[in-house]
Amino acid sequence: MSATVAAPLVAAIEDAWAAIRERHEDVPEVVVTIGSGSDAKGMKLGHFAAQRWVRGEDELHELFVGGEGLAAGAASVLATLLHEAAHAAAQVRGIKDTSRQGRYHNQRFKSIAESFGLAIEHDDRIGWSLTALPQSTEAGYAETVAMLHQAITAHRRAEAVTVGGGRKSNNNGAAAECDCGRKIRASLTVFDAGPIICGICGGEFIADV
């Protein structure tokens, strides 16, 4: 990414994480990375990965933010950061908050995330992972949301995934699924025109093409 996009964006995410840490002391320091969150399995808005970086004798955690999720706006990005901060706090507290290789979020995650100001709902596939930012929490982070809004000047397009070297031919269009499990069907022309964003989770519908 151009420095005029990447540098202010990373700085804003770092400052937002610092604002979260001010309110929740057991949220650790992280190294912020930004990249593609889309693949054949769907869309990843963010991810916390423990002890992925080394600084001298210290091990640091990683915070990944998917560039596609920036399209949903600053409040949605803050919700993602708070979601990942809840995972980070669980790591520090020694709490197992997920199963199934980190995909299924349990009641312990729900409890921490709600204490961080998020509204959490259940999904049969991924557990207590569906995340929303209540107005009261957004208001409490008003300066942070404004800072993120100013820094988000671009977002990443989702990857076009092909199977077997080409796209499937289907007169009925293609099925697509977002991060929270909602499904739609649309023509390939519609998908080619640009991202289709879910109004609930803020993730992009990824077509099975």
N, C-alpha and C. Protein backbone atom coordinates (compact mmCIF):
# COMPACT_ATOMS: atom_id res chain seq x y z
N MET A 1 0.84 -1.20 0.00
CA MET A 1 0.00 0.00 0.00
C MET A 1 0.88 1.25 0.00
N SER A 2 0.35 2.30 -0.57
CA SER A 2 1.03 3.59 -0.53
C SER A 2 1.17 4.05 0.90
N ALA A 3 2.29 4.71 1.20
CA ALA A 3 2.52 5.20 2.56
C ALA A 3 1.44 6.18 2.99
N THR A 4 0.83 6.88 2.03
CA THR A 4 -0.22 7.83 2.37
C THR A 4 -1.49 7.11 2.82
N VAL A 5 -1.60 5.84 2.51
CA VAL A 5 -2.72 5.01 2.98
C VAL A 5 -2.30 4.21 4.21
N ALA A 6 -1.18 3.52 4.12
CA ALA A 6 -0.80 2.54 5.15
C ALA A 6 -0.35 3.18 6.45
N ALA A 7 0.54 4.15 6.37
CA ALA A 7 1.13 4.69 7.61
C ALA A 7 0.09 5.32 8.53
N PRO A 8 -0.78 6.23 8.03
CA PRO A 8 -1.80 6.80 8.93
C PRO A 8 -2.78 5.75 9.44
N LEU A 9 -3.08 4.75 8.62
CA LEU A 9 -4.02 3.71 9.01
C LEU A 9 -3.46 2.85 10.14
N VAL A 10 -2.22 2.39 9.97
CA VAL A 10 -1.59 1.59 11.03
C VAL A 10 -1.47 2.40 12.31
N ALA A 11 -1.09 3.66 12.18
CA ALA A 11 -0.96 4.52 13.36
C ALA A 11 -2.30 4.67 14.08
N ALA A 12 -3.38 4.83 13.31
CA ALA A 12 -4.70 4.98 13.91
C ALA A 12 -5.14 3.70 14.61
N ILE A 13 -4.86 2.55 14.01
CA ILE A 13 -5.20 1.27 14.64
C ILE A 13 -4.40 1.09 15.92
N GLU A 14 -3.13 1.47 15.88
CA GLU A 14 -2.30 1.39 17.09
C GLU A 14 -2.84 2.30 18.19
N ASP A 15 -3.26 3.50 17.81
CA ASP A 15 -3.82 4.42 18.80
C ASP A 15 -5.15 3.90 19.34
N ALA A 16 -5.96 3.28 18.47
CA ALA A 16 -7.23 2.71 18.92
C ALA A 16 -6.98 1.56 19.90
N TRP A 17 -5.99 0.75 19.61
CA TRP A 17 -5.64 -0.35 20.51
C TRP A 17 -5.17 0.20 21.86
N ALA A 18 -4.40 1.29 21.81
CA ALA A 18 -3.94 1.93 23.05
C ALA A 18 -5.13 2.44 23.87
N ALA A 19 -6.15 2.97 23.18
CA ALA A 19 -7.34 3.45 23.88
C ALA A 19 -8.08 2.30 24.55
N ILE A 20 -8.10 1.14 23.90
CA ILE A 20 -8.72 -0.04 24.50
C ILE A 20 -7.91 -0.49 25.71
N ARG A 21 -6.59 -0.46 25.61
CA ARG A 21 -5.72 -0.88 26.71
C ARG A 21 -5.86 0.04 27.92
N GLU A 22 -6.13 1.32 27.68
CA GLU A 22 -6.34 2.24 28.79
C GLU A 22 -7.53 1.83 29.65
N ARG A 23 -8.55 1.24 28.99
CA ARG A 23 -9.77 0.83 29.69
C ARG A 23 -9.67 -0.61 30.23
N HIS A 24 -8.79 -1.41 29.62
CA HIS A 24 -8.69 -2.82 29.98
C HIS A 24 -7.21 -3.18 30.10
N GLU A 25 -6.71 -3.17 31.31
CA GLU A 25 -5.27 -3.25 31.55
C GLU A 25 -4.65 -4.59 31.17
N ASP A 26 -5.45 -5.65 31.07
CA ASP A 26 -4.86 -6.94 30.72
C ASP A 26 -4.84 -7.20 29.21
N VAL A 27 -5.19 -6.20 28.41
CA VAL A 27 -5.02 -6.31 26.96
C VAL A 27 -3.55 -6.01 26.64
N PRO A 28 -2.85 -6.91 26.00
CA PRO A 28 -1.40 -6.73 25.80
C PRO A 28 -1.05 -5.86 24.60
N GLU A 29 0.22 -5.52 24.54
CA GLU A 29 0.79 -4.84 23.38
C GLU A 29 0.75 -5.78 22.18
N VAL A 30 0.57 -5.22 20.98
CA VAL A 30 0.53 -6.03 19.76
C VAL A 30 1.34 -5.37 18.65
N VAL A 31 1.69 -6.18 17.67
CA VAL A 31 2.23 -5.68 16.40
C VAL A 31 1.09 -5.70 15.40
N VAL A 32 0.78 -4.55 14.81
CA VAL A 32 -0.35 -4.43 13.89
C VAL A 32 0.08 -4.80 12.47
N THR A 33 -0.67 -5.67 11.83
CA THR A 33 -0.46 -6.00 10.43
C THR A 33 -1.77 -5.82 9.67
N ILE A 34 -1.67 -5.46 8.40
CA ILE A 34 -2.84 -5.28 7.54
C ILE A 34 -2.62 -6.06 6.25
N GLY A 35 -3.65 -6.73 5.78
CA GLY A 35 -3.51 -7.48 4.55
C GLY A 35 -4.84 -8.00 4.06
N SER A 36 -4.79 -9.04 3.23
CA SER A 36 -6.00 -9.63 2.68
C SER A 36 -6.68 -10.51 3.71
N GLY A 37 -7.97 -10.27 3.91
CA GLY A 37 -8.75 -11.11 4.82
C GLY A 37 -9.64 -12.09 4.09
N SER A 38 -9.58 -12.13 2.76
CA SER A 38 -10.48 -12.98 1.98
C SER A 38 -9.73 -14.14 1.37
N ASP A 39 -10.37 -15.32 1.44
CA ASP A 39 -9.84 -16.50 0.78
C ASP A 39 -11.00 -17.43 0.44
N ALA A 40 -10.70 -18.64 0.05
CA ALA A 40 -11.75 -19.56 -0.39
C ALA A 40 -12.73 -19.90 0.72
N LYS A 41 -12.33 -19.72 1.99
CA LYS A 41 -13.19 -20.07 3.12
C LYS A 41 -14.08 -18.91 3.56
N GLY A 42 -13.82 -17.72 3.07
CA GLY A 42 -14.65 -16.58 3.47
C GLY A 42 -13.83 -15.35 3.78
N MET A 43 -14.33 -14.53 4.73
CA MET A 43 -13.73 -13.25 5.04
C MET A 43 -13.29 -13.20 6.49
N LYS A 44 -12.08 -12.73 6.73
CA LYS A 44 -11.56 -12.55 8.07
C LYS A 44 -11.37 -11.05 8.30
N LEU A 45 -12.16 -10.49 9.22
CA LEU A 45 -12.07 -9.06 9.51
C LEU A 45 -10.88 -8.75 10.39
N GLY A 46 -10.52 -9.67 11.27
CA GLY A 46 -9.39 -9.46 12.16
C GLY A 46 -8.98 -10.76 12.80
N HIS A 47 -7.79 -10.75 13.42
CA HIS A 47 -7.32 -11.96 14.08
C HIS A 47 -6.24 -11.59 15.09
N PHE A 48 -6.34 -12.17 16.29
CA PHE A 48 -5.29 -12.03 17.29
C PHE A 48 -4.49 -13.33 17.32
N ALA A 49 -3.18 -13.22 17.20
CA ALA A 49 -2.30 -14.39 17.21
C ALA A 49 -1.22 -14.17 18.26
N ALA A 50 -1.17 -15.06 19.23
CA ALA A 50 -0.26 -14.90 20.36
C ALA A 50 1.18 -15.22 19.98
N GLN A 51 2.11 -14.41 20.48
CA GLN A 51 3.55 -14.68 20.44
C GLN A 51 4.06 -14.99 19.03
N ARG A 52 3.68 -14.15 18.08
CA ARG A 52 4.12 -14.34 16.70
C ARG A 52 5.37 -13.52 16.36
N TRP A 53 5.71 -12.53 17.17
CA TRP A 53 6.83 -11.64 16.89
C TRP A 53 7.85 -11.71 18.02
N VAL A 54 9.11 -11.42 17.69
CA VAL A 54 10.19 -11.42 18.68
C VAL A 54 10.89 -10.07 18.64
N ARG A 55 11.04 -9.46 19.80
CA ARG A 55 11.77 -8.19 19.93
C ARG A 55 12.82 -8.38 21.01
N GLY A 56 14.06 -8.64 20.59
CA GLY A 56 15.09 -8.98 21.55
C GLY A 56 14.74 -10.30 22.22
N GLU A 57 14.57 -10.26 23.54
CA GLU A 57 14.19 -11.45 24.29
C GLU A 57 12.68 -11.51 24.54
N ASP A 58 11.95 -10.51 24.05
CA ASP A 58 10.51 -10.45 24.29
C ASP A 58 9.73 -11.07 23.14
N GLU A 59 8.64 -11.72 23.47
CA GLU A 59 7.70 -12.22 22.47
C GLU A 59 6.49 -11.29 22.43
N LEU A 60 6.09 -10.91 21.23
CA LEU A 60 4.97 -9.98 21.07
C LEU A 60 3.83 -10.67 20.31
N HIS A 61 2.63 -10.22 20.59
CA HIS A 61 1.45 -10.76 19.92
C HIS A 61 1.17 -9.97 18.64
N GLU A 62 0.41 -10.60 17.75
CA GLU A 62 0.07 -9.97 16.46
C GLU A 62 -1.42 -9.65 16.40
N LEU A 63 -1.73 -8.48 15.90
CA LEU A 63 -3.11 -8.09 15.59
C LEU A 63 -3.20 -7.90 14.08
N PHE A 64 -3.96 -8.77 13.43
CA PHE A 64 -4.18 -8.65 11.99
C PHE A 64 -5.53 -7.99 11.74
N VAL A 65 -5.56 -7.05 10.80
CA VAL A 65 -6.79 -6.39 10.38
C VAL A 65 -6.95 -6.59 8.88
N GLY A 66 -8.06 -7.21 8.47
CA GLY A 66 -8.31 -7.44 7.05
C GLY A 66 -8.67 -6.15 6.33
N GLY A 67 -7.99 -5.89 5.23
CA GLY A 67 -8.21 -4.65 4.51
C GLY A 67 -9.60 -4.52 3.91
N GLU A 68 -10.26 -5.67 3.63
CA GLU A 68 -11.60 -5.62 3.06
C GLU A 68 -12.61 -5.07 4.06
N GLY A 69 -12.40 -5.36 5.35
CA GLY A 69 -13.33 -4.91 6.38
C GLY A 69 -13.35 -3.42 6.58
N LEU A 70 -12.33 -2.71 6.08
CA LEU A 70 -12.29 -1.26 6.22
C LEU A 70 -13.45 -0.60 5.48
N ALA A 71 -14.02 -1.30 4.50
CA ALA A 71 -15.12 -0.74 3.72
C ALA A 71 -16.35 -0.49 4.59
N ALA A 72 -16.47 -1.19 5.70
CA ALA A 72 -17.65 -1.04 6.57
C ALA A 72 -17.58 0.19 7.46
N GLY A 73 -16.42 0.84 7.53
CA GLY A 73 -16.33 2.08 8.27
C GLY A 73 -15.69 1.95 9.64
N ALA A 74 -15.47 3.11 10.27
CA ALA A 74 -14.69 3.19 11.50
C ALA A 74 -15.33 2.45 12.67
N ALA A 75 -16.65 2.57 12.84
CA ALA A 75 -17.31 1.91 13.97
C ALA A 75 -17.17 0.40 13.85
N SER A 76 -17.29 -0.13 12.64
CA SER A 76 -17.14 -1.56 12.43
C SER A 76 -15.71 -2.01 12.72
N VAL A 77 -14.74 -1.20 12.32
CA VAL A 77 -13.34 -1.53 12.62
C VAL A 77 -13.10 -1.54 14.12
N LEU A 78 -13.67 -0.58 14.84
CA LEU A 78 -13.54 -0.57 16.29
C LEU A 78 -14.15 -1.84 16.90
N ALA A 79 -15.30 -2.26 16.38
CA ALA A 79 -15.91 -3.51 16.86
C ALA A 79 -14.97 -4.69 16.65
N THR A 80 -14.31 -4.73 15.50
CA THR A 80 -13.33 -5.79 15.23
C THR A 80 -12.18 -5.72 16.23
N LEU A 81 -11.68 -4.53 16.49
CA LEU A 81 -10.56 -4.38 17.43
C LEU A 81 -10.96 -4.81 18.84
N LEU A 82 -12.16 -4.45 19.27
CA LEU A 82 -12.63 -4.87 20.59
C LEU A 82 -12.82 -6.39 20.66
N HIS A 83 -13.30 -6.96 19.57
CA HIS A 83 -13.45 -8.43 19.48
C HIS A 83 -12.09 -9.10 19.66
N GLU A 84 -11.09 -8.61 18.94
CA GLU A 84 -9.75 -9.20 19.05
C GLU A 84 -9.11 -8.89 20.39
N ALA A 85 -9.43 -7.74 20.97
CA ALA A 85 -8.92 -7.41 22.30
C ALA A 85 -9.47 -8.37 23.35
N ALA A 86 -10.71 -8.82 23.16
CA ALA A 86 -11.28 -9.81 24.07
C ALA A 86 -10.51 -11.12 23.98
N HIS A 87 -10.15 -11.53 22.75
CA HIS A 87 -9.30 -12.72 22.60
C HIS A 87 -7.94 -12.51 23.29
N ALA A 88 -7.39 -11.31 23.12
CA ALA A 88 -6.09 -11.02 23.72
C ALA A 88 -6.15 -11.09 25.24
N ALA A 89 -7.22 -10.55 25.81
CA ALA A 89 -7.38 -10.60 27.26
C ALA A 89 -7.54 -12.04 27.75
N ALA A 90 -8.27 -12.84 26.97
CA ALA A 90 -8.42 -14.26 27.33
C ALA A 90 -7.06 -14.96 27.34
N GLN A 91 -6.21 -14.62 26.37
CA GLN A 91 -4.87 -15.20 26.31
C GLN A 91 -4.08 -14.84 27.57
N VAL A 92 -4.11 -13.59 27.96
CA VAL A 92 -3.38 -13.13 29.15
C VAL A 92 -3.93 -13.79 30.41
N ARG A 93 -5.24 -13.95 30.49
CA ARG A 93 -5.87 -14.54 31.67
C ARG A 93 -5.76 -16.07 31.71
N GLY A 94 -5.26 -16.67 30.63
CA GLY A 94 -5.16 -18.11 30.59
C GLY A 94 -6.49 -18.80 30.40
N ILE A 95 -7.42 -18.14 29.71
CA ILE A 95 -8.76 -18.65 29.49
C ILE A 95 -8.87 -19.20 28.06
N LYS A 96 -9.35 -20.42 27.94
CA LYS A 96 -9.58 -21.00 26.61
C LYS A 96 -10.95 -20.52 26.13
N ASP A 97 -10.95 -19.57 25.20
CA ASP A 97 -12.20 -18.93 24.77
C ASP A 97 -12.70 -19.41 23.43
N THR A 98 -11.95 -20.31 22.77
CA THR A 98 -12.38 -20.84 21.47
C THR A 98 -12.02 -22.33 21.39
N SER A 99 -12.62 -23.00 20.40
CA SER A 99 -12.28 -24.38 20.07
C SER A 99 -12.36 -24.52 18.55
N ARG A 100 -12.16 -25.75 18.07
CA ARG A 100 -12.20 -26.02 16.61
C ARG A 100 -11.21 -25.13 15.87
N GLN A 101 -9.95 -25.17 16.31
CA GLN A 101 -8.87 -24.37 15.71
C GLN A 101 -9.18 -22.87 15.74
N GLY A 102 -9.81 -22.44 16.81
CA GLY A 102 -10.07 -21.02 17.00
C GLY A 102 -11.31 -20.50 16.33
N ARG A 103 -12.07 -21.38 15.66
CA ARG A 103 -13.23 -20.91 14.91
C ARG A 103 -14.47 -20.75 15.81
N TYR A 104 -14.63 -21.65 16.78
CA TYR A 104 -15.86 -21.65 17.59
C TYR A 104 -15.62 -20.87 18.88
N HIS A 105 -16.42 -19.83 19.10
CA HIS A 105 -16.29 -18.95 20.26
C HIS A 105 -17.26 -19.40 21.36
N ASN A 106 -16.73 -19.65 22.54
CA ASN A 106 -17.56 -20.19 23.61
C ASN A 106 -18.12 -19.10 24.54
N GLN A 107 -18.80 -19.54 25.58
CA GLN A 107 -19.44 -18.61 26.50
C GLN A 107 -18.41 -17.75 27.24
N ARG A 108 -17.21 -18.27 27.45
CA ARG A 108 -16.18 -17.48 28.12
C ARG A 108 -15.76 -16.30 27.27
N PHE A 109 -15.68 -16.53 25.95
CA PHE A 109 -15.40 -15.39 25.06
C PHE A 109 -16.54 -14.37 25.13
N LYS A 110 -17.77 -14.84 25.07
CA LYS A 110 -18.93 -13.95 25.13
C LYS A 110 -18.88 -13.06 26.37
N SER A 111 -18.54 -13.66 27.51
CA SER A 111 -18.50 -12.90 28.75
C SER A 111 -17.45 -11.79 28.70
N ILE A 112 -16.26 -12.11 28.19
CA ILE A 112 -15.20 -11.10 28.11
C ILE A 112 -15.58 -10.01 27.11
N ALA A 113 -16.06 -10.42 25.93
CA ALA A 113 -16.40 -9.45 24.89
C ALA A 113 -17.50 -8.50 25.35
N GLU A 114 -18.49 -9.01 26.06
CA GLU A 114 -19.55 -8.14 26.56
C GLU A 114 -19.03 -7.19 27.62
N SER A 115 -18.06 -7.63 28.42
CA SER A 115 -17.47 -6.73 29.41
C SER A 115 -16.66 -5.62 28.75
N PHE A 116 -16.28 -5.84 27.48
CA PHE A 116 -15.55 -4.83 26.71
C PHE A 116 -16.51 -3.90 25.97
N GLY A 117 -17.82 -4.10 26.15
CA GLY A 117 -18.80 -3.21 25.57
C GLY A 117 -19.43 -3.66 24.27
N LEU A 118 -19.19 -4.92 23.87
CA LEU A 118 -19.75 -5.42 22.63
C LEU A 118 -21.07 -6.14 22.87
N ALA A 119 -21.89 -6.22 21.84
CA ALA A 119 -23.09 -7.05 21.84
C ALA A 119 -22.75 -8.30 21.05
N ILE A 120 -22.94 -9.47 21.66
CA ILE A 120 -22.52 -10.74 21.06
C ILE A 120 -23.73 -11.65 20.89
N GLU A 121 -23.86 -12.22 19.68
CA GLU A 121 -24.93 -13.18 19.40
C GLU A 121 -24.34 -14.49 18.92
N HIS A 122 -25.17 -15.53 18.94
CA HIS A 122 -24.70 -16.88 18.65
C HIS A 122 -24.93 -17.27 17.20
N ASP A 123 -24.00 -18.05 16.67
CA ASP A 123 -24.11 -18.65 15.35
C ASP A 123 -23.79 -20.13 15.48
N ASP A 124 -24.55 -20.98 14.82
CA ASP A 124 -24.35 -22.42 14.97
C ASP A 124 -22.96 -22.87 14.53
N ARG A 125 -22.37 -22.18 13.56
CA ARG A 125 -21.07 -22.60 13.03
C ARG A 125 -19.91 -22.08 13.87
N ILE A 126 -19.99 -20.83 14.33
CA ILE A 126 -18.83 -20.19 14.97
C ILE A 126 -19.10 -19.76 16.40
N GLY A 127 -20.24 -20.17 16.95
CA GLY A 127 -20.51 -19.90 18.36
C GLY A 127 -20.84 -18.45 18.64
N TRP A 128 -20.41 -17.99 19.83
CA TRP A 128 -20.71 -16.62 20.28
C TRP A 128 -19.71 -15.64 19.67
N SER A 129 -19.85 -15.45 18.37
CA SER A 129 -18.87 -14.66 17.62
C SER A 129 -19.47 -13.47 16.88
N LEU A 130 -20.78 -13.46 16.68
CA LEU A 130 -21.41 -12.38 15.92
C LEU A 130 -21.35 -11.10 16.75
N THR A 131 -20.67 -10.11 16.23
CA THR A 131 -20.28 -8.94 17.01
C THR A 131 -20.95 -7.67 16.50
N ALA A 132 -21.49 -6.90 17.42
CA ALA A 132 -22.05 -5.60 17.09
C ALA A 132 -21.56 -4.57 18.11
N LEU A 133 -21.48 -3.32 17.69
CA LEU A 133 -21.01 -2.24 18.54
C LEU A 133 -22.21 -1.41 18.99
N PRO A 134 -22.63 -1.52 20.25
CA PRO A 134 -23.76 -0.70 20.72
C PRO A 134 -23.45 0.79 20.64
N GLN A 135 -24.49 1.59 20.53
CA GLN A 135 -24.30 3.03 20.44
C GLN A 135 -23.60 3.59 21.67
N SER A 136 -23.88 3.02 22.84
CA SER A 136 -23.24 3.51 24.06
C SER A 136 -21.73 3.30 24.02
N THR A 137 -21.29 2.15 23.48
CA THR A 137 -19.86 1.89 23.38
C THR A 137 -19.22 2.79 22.33
N GLU A 138 -19.91 2.95 21.21
CA GLU A 138 -19.39 3.85 20.17
C GLU A 138 -19.24 5.27 20.70
N ALA A 139 -20.22 5.72 21.49
CA ALA A 139 -20.14 7.06 22.07
C ALA A 139 -18.97 7.17 23.03
N GLY A 140 -18.71 6.11 23.79
CA GLY A 140 -17.60 6.13 24.73
C GLY A 140 -16.25 6.19 24.05
N TYR A 141 -16.20 5.72 22.82
CA TYR A 141 -14.97 5.75 22.02
C TYR A 141 -15.08 6.78 20.89
N ALA A 142 -15.82 7.84 21.10
CA ALA A 142 -16.13 8.79 20.02
C ALA A 142 -14.86 9.35 19.37
N GLU A 143 -13.88 9.73 20.17
CA GLU A 143 -12.64 10.29 19.61
C GLU A 143 -11.89 9.24 18.81
N THR A 144 -11.90 8.01 19.28
CA THR A 144 -11.23 6.92 18.57
C THR A 144 -11.91 6.63 17.25
N VAL A 145 -13.24 6.61 17.24
CA VAL A 145 -13.97 6.38 16.00
C VAL A 145 -13.69 7.49 15.00
N ALA A 146 -13.66 8.72 15.47
CA ALA A 146 -13.38 9.85 14.58
C ALA A 146 -11.97 9.74 13.99
N MET A 147 -11.02 9.34 14.81
CA MET A 147 -9.64 9.18 14.34
C MET A 147 -9.54 8.08 13.29
N LEU A 148 -10.20 6.95 13.54
CA LEU A 148 -10.20 5.86 12.56
C LEU A 148 -10.87 6.29 11.26
N HIS A 149 -11.97 7.01 11.38
CA HIS A 149 -12.68 7.49 10.19
C HIS A 149 -11.77 8.35 9.31
N GLN A 150 -11.00 9.20 9.94
CA GLN A 150 -10.09 10.07 9.18
C GLN A 150 -8.98 9.28 8.52
N ALA A 151 -8.54 8.19 9.18
CA ALA A 151 -7.42 7.41 8.66
C ALA A 151 -7.82 6.42 7.58
N ILE A 152 -9.09 6.01 7.56
CA ILE A 152 -9.53 5.01 6.56
C ILE A 152 -9.84 5.74 5.26
N THR A 153 -8.87 5.78 4.39
CA THR A 153 -9.03 6.46 3.11
C THR A 153 -9.15 5.49 1.94
N ALA A 154 -9.00 4.19 2.23
CA ALA A 154 -9.08 3.18 1.18
C ALA A 154 -9.41 1.85 1.84
N HIS A 155 -9.88 0.90 1.03
CA HIS A 155 -10.10 -0.46 1.53
C HIS A 155 -9.68 -1.45 0.44
N ARG A 156 -9.47 -2.68 0.86
CA ARG A 156 -8.97 -3.69 -0.07
C ARG A 156 -10.12 -4.44 -0.73
N ARG A 157 -9.99 -4.71 -2.03
CA ARG A 157 -10.95 -5.55 -2.72
C ARG A 157 -10.74 -7.00 -2.31
N ALA A 158 -11.83 -7.76 -2.28
CA ALA A 158 -11.74 -9.17 -1.94
C ALA A 158 -11.06 -9.94 -3.06
N GLU A 159 -10.36 -11.01 -2.69
CA GLU A 159 -9.71 -11.84 -3.68
C GLU A 159 -10.77 -12.59 -4.49
N ALA A 160 -10.53 -12.73 -5.79
CA ALA A 160 -11.37 -13.55 -6.66
C ALA A 160 -10.81 -14.97 -6.62
N VAL A 161 -11.58 -15.90 -6.09
CA VAL A 161 -11.11 -17.27 -5.91
C VAL A 161 -11.59 -18.12 -7.07
N THR A 162 -10.67 -18.84 -7.73
CA THR A 162 -11.03 -19.74 -8.82
C THR A 162 -10.74 -21.17 -8.42
N VAL A 163 -11.50 -22.09 -8.96
CA VAL A 163 -11.33 -23.51 -8.66
C VAL A 163 -11.04 -24.24 -9.96
N GLY A 164 -9.98 -25.03 -9.99
CA GLY A 164 -9.67 -25.83 -11.18
C GLY A 164 -9.25 -24.98 -12.37
N GLY A 165 -8.71 -23.79 -12.09
CA GLY A 165 -8.18 -22.97 -13.15
C GLY A 165 -9.19 -22.11 -13.86
N GLY A 166 -10.44 -22.12 -13.44
CA GLY A 166 -11.42 -21.28 -14.10
C GLY A 166 -12.66 -21.14 -13.27
N ARG A 167 -13.58 -20.29 -13.69
CA ARG A 167 -14.80 -20.07 -12.94
C ARG A 167 -15.89 -21.04 -13.38
N LYS A 168 -16.68 -21.47 -12.41
CA LYS A 168 -17.79 -22.37 -12.73
C LYS A 168 -18.84 -21.64 -13.56
N SER A 169 -19.40 -22.34 -14.51
CA SER A 169 -20.48 -21.78 -15.30
C SER A 169 -21.80 -22.16 -14.65
N ASN A 170 -22.64 -21.16 -14.37
CA ASN A 170 -23.89 -21.42 -13.67
C ASN A 170 -24.90 -20.37 -14.09
N ASN A 171 -25.94 -20.80 -14.79
CA ASN A 171 -26.94 -19.84 -15.26
C ASN A 171 -27.74 -19.23 -14.13
N ASN A 172 -27.72 -19.88 -12.97
CA ASN A 172 -28.44 -19.36 -11.81
C ASN A 172 -27.58 -18.42 -10.97
N GLY A 173 -26.40 -18.05 -11.45
CA GLY A 173 -25.52 -17.20 -10.70
C GLY A 173 -24.68 -18.00 -9.73
N ALA A 174 -24.25 -17.37 -8.66
CA ALA A 174 -23.38 -18.03 -7.68
C ALA A 174 -23.89 -17.75 -6.28
N ALA A 175 -23.71 -18.74 -5.41
CA ALA A 175 -24.04 -18.56 -4.00
C ALA A 175 -22.88 -17.87 -3.31
N ALA A 176 -23.18 -17.10 -2.28
CA ALA A 176 -22.14 -16.39 -1.54
C ALA A 176 -22.51 -16.37 -0.07
N GLU A 177 -21.49 -16.35 0.78
CA GLU A 177 -21.70 -16.37 2.23
C GLU A 177 -20.81 -15.31 2.86
N CYS A 178 -21.35 -14.63 3.89
CA CYS A 178 -20.57 -13.63 4.60
C CYS A 178 -19.99 -14.24 5.87
N ASP A 179 -19.29 -13.42 6.67
CA ASP A 179 -18.59 -13.92 7.84
C ASP A 179 -19.55 -14.44 8.91
N CYS A 180 -20.78 -13.92 8.96
CA CYS A 180 -21.71 -14.37 9.99
C CYS A 180 -22.62 -15.50 9.51
N GLY A 181 -22.41 -15.99 8.29
CA GLY A 181 -23.12 -17.17 7.82
C GLY A 181 -24.36 -16.91 6.98
N ARG A 182 -24.71 -15.63 6.75
CA ARG A 182 -25.85 -15.34 5.87
C ARG A 182 -25.47 -15.71 4.43
N LYS A 183 -26.45 -16.15 3.67
CA LYS A 183 -26.18 -16.58 2.30
C LYS A 183 -27.09 -15.85 1.32
N ILE A 184 -26.53 -15.55 0.15
CA ILE A 184 -27.29 -14.93 -0.92
C ILE A 184 -26.91 -15.61 -2.23
N ARG A 185 -27.67 -15.34 -3.28
CA ARG A 185 -27.31 -15.80 -4.62
C ARG A 185 -27.48 -14.62 -5.56
N ALA A 186 -26.49 -14.43 -6.43
CA ALA A 186 -26.54 -13.32 -7.38
C ALA A 186 -25.77 -13.72 -8.63
N SER A 187 -25.98 -12.95 -9.70
CA SER A 187 -25.27 -13.24 -10.94
C SER A 187 -23.79 -12.90 -10.79
N LEU A 188 -22.97 -13.53 -11.62
CA LEU A 188 -21.54 -13.26 -11.57
C LEU A 188 -21.23 -11.82 -11.94
N THR A 189 -22.07 -11.23 -12.78
CA THR A 189 -21.88 -9.83 -13.15
C THR A 189 -22.03 -8.92 -11.94
N VAL A 190 -22.99 -9.24 -11.08
CA VAL A 190 -23.19 -8.46 -9.86
C VAL A 190 -21.96 -8.55 -8.96
N PHE A 191 -21.42 -9.75 -8.78
CA PHE A 191 -20.23 -9.90 -7.94
C PHE A 191 -19.03 -9.18 -8.54
N ASP A 192 -18.91 -9.20 -9.87
CA ASP A 192 -17.78 -8.54 -10.52
C ASP A 192 -17.85 -7.03 -10.39
N ALA A 193 -19.04 -6.49 -10.15
CA ALA A 193 -19.22 -5.03 -10.10
C ALA A 193 -18.60 -4.42 -8.85
N GLY A 194 -18.43 -5.20 -7.80
CA GLY A 194 -17.84 -4.67 -6.58
C GLY A 194 -18.30 -5.43 -5.36
N PRO A 195 -17.72 -5.14 -4.18
CA PRO A 195 -18.04 -5.88 -2.96
C PRO A 195 -19.51 -5.73 -2.56
N ILE A 196 -20.09 -6.82 -2.06
CA ILE A 196 -21.43 -6.82 -1.47
C ILE A 196 -21.23 -7.04 0.03
N ILE A 197 -21.60 -6.04 0.84
CA ILE A 197 -21.30 -6.05 2.27
C ILE A 197 -22.54 -6.42 3.08
N CYS A 198 -22.35 -7.31 4.05
CA CYS A 198 -23.44 -7.70 4.96
C CYS A 198 -23.74 -6.57 5.94
N GLY A 199 -25.01 -6.23 6.09
CA GLY A 199 -25.39 -5.16 7.00
C GLY A 199 -25.35 -5.56 8.46
N ILE A 200 -25.16 -6.84 8.77
CA ILE A 200 -25.10 -7.30 10.16
C ILE A 200 -23.66 -7.39 10.65
N CYS A 201 -22.81 -8.17 9.96
CA CYS A 201 -21.44 -8.38 10.46
C CYS A 201 -20.43 -7.45 9.81
N GLY A 202 -20.81 -6.76 8.72
CA GLY A 202 -19.87 -5.87 8.04
C GLY A 202 -18.91 -6.59 7.12
N GLY A 203 -19.01 -7.93 7.04
CA GLY A 203 -18.15 -8.69 6.16
C GLY A 203 -18.68 -8.73 4.74
N GLU A 204 -17.81 -9.09 3.82
CA GLU A 204 -18.20 -9.16 2.42
C GLU A 204 -18.74 -10.54 2.10
N PHE A 205 -19.77 -10.59 1.26
CA PHE A 205 -20.25 -11.86 0.75
C PHE A 205 -19.24 -12.39 -0.28
N ILE A 206 -18.74 -13.59 -0.03
CA ILE A 206 -17.74 -14.21 -0.90
C ILE A 206 -18.42 -15.28 -1.73
N ALA A 207 -18.34 -15.13 -3.05
CA ALA A 207 -19.01 -16.05 -3.95
C ALA A 207 -18.25 -17.34 -4.10
N ASP A 208 -18.96 -18.43 -4.25
CA ASP A 208 -18.39 -19.76 -4.50
C ASP A 208 -18.25 -19.93 -5.99
N VAL A 209 -17.24 -19.26 -6.55
CA VAL A 209 -17.03 -19.30 -7.99
C VAL A 209 -15.62 -19.77 -8.30
